[in-house]
Amino acid sequence: MPHGIIGWLIIGLVAGVLGKLIMPGKDPGGVIVTILLGIAGALLAKYLTPMLGLNIEDTTWQAYAAATAGAVVLLALYRLIMVRRV
């Protein structure tokens, strides 16, 4: 599945939803922002995992796990930044 940028965008959509399930609560921006953070987390995972020596292109479950982890990290950072602003 993760062949090319379109595959990672689709994985990012799923990762955004999974990230919201892992980190429930009220987010500034709602579900759309969470899904966008999931897409950004997936793209972050796509480019950072090879630097860490991981080859996530081989299996789809690793791509979903890395993208979800990236989405959770970005969602946590987003919450920290938005709480300090408000």
Protein backbone atom coordinates (compact mmCIF):
# COMPACT_ATOMS: atom_id res chain seq x y z
CA MET A 1 0.00 0.00 0.00
CA PRO A 2 2.53 2.71 0.88
CA HIS A 3 3.77 3.10 -2.69
CA GLY A 4 4.18 6.78 -3.34
CA ILE A 5 2.73 9.86 -1.81
CA ILE A 6 -0.92 8.92 -2.47
CA GLY A 7 -0.55 5.75 -0.41
CA TRP A 8 0.95 7.74 2.46
CA LEU A 9 -1.90 10.26 2.27
CA ILE A 10 -4.42 7.44 2.60
CA ILE A 11 -2.46 5.94 5.49
CA GLY A 12 -2.39 9.42 7.02
CA LEU A 13 -6.17 9.65 6.95
CA VAL A 14 -6.43 6.38 8.83
CA ALA A 15 -3.62 7.40 11.20
CA GLY A 16 -5.44 10.64 12.02
CA VAL A 17 -8.54 8.71 13.03
CA LEU A 18 -6.46 6.22 15.03
CA GLY A 19 -4.59 9.09 16.68
CA LYS A 20 -7.90 10.59 17.76
CA LEU A 21 -8.96 7.23 19.21
CA ILE A 22 -5.67 6.91 21.09
CA MET A 23 -5.78 10.49 22.38
CA PRO A 24 -9.45 11.30 22.94
CA GLY A 25 -10.53 14.66 24.17
CA LYS A 26 -11.53 18.04 22.92
CA ASP A 27 -9.06 19.43 20.43
CA PRO A 28 -9.01 22.95 19.13
CA GLY A 29 -9.82 22.54 15.46
CA GLY A 30 -11.85 19.34 15.69
CA VAL A 31 -11.73 16.21 13.58
CA ILE A 32 -10.50 17.89 10.39
CA VAL A 33 -7.37 19.22 12.09
CA THR A 34 -6.78 15.81 13.65
CA ILE A 35 -6.97 14.12 10.25
CA LEU A 36 -4.62 16.72 8.78
CA LEU A 37 -2.21 16.06 11.64
CA GLY A 38 -2.52 12.35 10.81
CA ILE A 39 -1.51 13.03 7.22
CA ALA A 40 1.41 15.16 8.41
CA GLY A 41 2.38 12.40 10.87
CA ALA A 42 2.35 9.83 8.09
CA LEU A 43 4.54 11.97 5.88
CA LEU A 44 6.84 12.62 8.83
CA ALA A 45 7.08 8.86 9.42
CA LYS A 46 7.78 8.26 5.72
CA TYR A 47 10.80 10.54 5.77
CA LEU A 48 12.13 9.91 9.30
CA THR A 49 12.04 6.11 9.48
CA PRO A 50 14.72 5.56 6.83
CA MET A 51 16.98 7.91 8.81
CA LEU A 52 16.45 5.63 11.81
CA GLY A 53 17.39 2.57 9.77
CA LEU A 54 13.85 1.19 9.54
CA ASN A 55 12.41 -0.06 6.27
CA ILE A 56 8.67 0.39 6.66
CA GLU A 57 7.98 0.04 2.95
CA ASP A 58 8.05 -3.75 3.31
CA THR A 59 4.92 -4.25 5.38
CA THR A 60 1.76 -2.25 5.58
CA TRP A 61 1.18 -2.73 9.31
CA GLN A 62 4.54 -1.10 10.05
CA ALA A 63 3.59 1.85 7.86
CA TYR A 64 0.31 2.25 9.74
CA ALA A 65 2.07 1.94 13.10
CA ALA A 66 4.71 4.53 12.17
CA ALA A 67 2.10 6.90 10.73
CA THR A 68 -0.10 6.54 13.81
CA ALA A 69 2.87 7.20 16.09
CA GLY A 70 3.69 10.30 14.05
CA ALA A 71 0.06 11.44 14.27
CA VAL A 72 -0.02 10.97 18.05
CA VAL A 73 3.24 12.92 18.46
CA LEU A 74 2.00 15.78 16.29
CA LEU A 75 -1.38 15.79 18.04
CA ALA A 76 0.33 16.00 21.44
CA LEU A 77 2.53 18.86 20.24
CA TYR A 78 -0.49 20.61 18.76
CA ARG A 79 -2.36 20.34 22.04
CA LEU A 80 0.60 21.73 23.99
CA ILE A 81 0.99 24.68 21.65
CA MET A 82 -2.73 25.49 21.50
CA VAL A 83 -3.18 25.25 25.28
CA ARG A 84 -0.36 27.73 25.82
CA ARG A 85 -1.86 30.13 23.28
CA VAL A 86 -5.28 30.11 24.89
